[in-house]
Amino acid sequence: MRLIFDTSTLVGAALQIGSIPHRALATALATGQLCASAQTLTELQEVLRRPKFDRYQPIGTRKEFFDIVATAAVVYEVSASDEAAITPRCRDPKDDMFLALASVCQADVIVSSDADLLALDPWHETRILKAAVYLERHG
C-alpha cells in the first residue's frame, strides 16, 4: 500500500508521541510504503523548524523525526507539469502538491487532517482519510 501523509499530520506525529497521527505513521511505516516528493519534504522540514513548536518537542527531536521520515519515504519526482495536470484541484492550491504526488506514485491513501484535502475523498483511486480512520481500517 502506497501512503502519503500531509504536513499537518506529520507535524502532529512529531509533536505528540503516541498520538493518533503518530500511531498512524508507525502503522504505515510497518505495513506500507510512505511516499514523498522533494516539495512535501521541504515543506515538512520548514514547518518543523518553527520556534512555536519548541514547547512540544526540542528542535533536535524534530530534526530526528524529519530524518526518519525522509529516510523511510520513497521519494518520487513530481514536476511542475505533473502538478499543473491534476484535476480536480484542491481549493487550497498549496495542497495540490499532495494530489500531484498521489497521481505520480499511484497512492492508495493520503492521510490528512486538512479539510480542503478531506473534502476531495475519494480523489480518483486515492482515498483521503483522517489518521483515526486510517488506523481503524489498517491498524
Foldseek 3Di string as FASTA:
>chain_A
DEEEEALVLLVVLLQDPPDLSVVLVVLCLVPHAYEEEPLRLVVNLVVLPDPVSCVRPNSVSSVVSSVVSVVRHDYDYQDPVLLVPDPPAFPPNSCSRVVSRCVRVVGQEYAYPDPRVQVCAPRVNHGYYHSVVSVVVRD
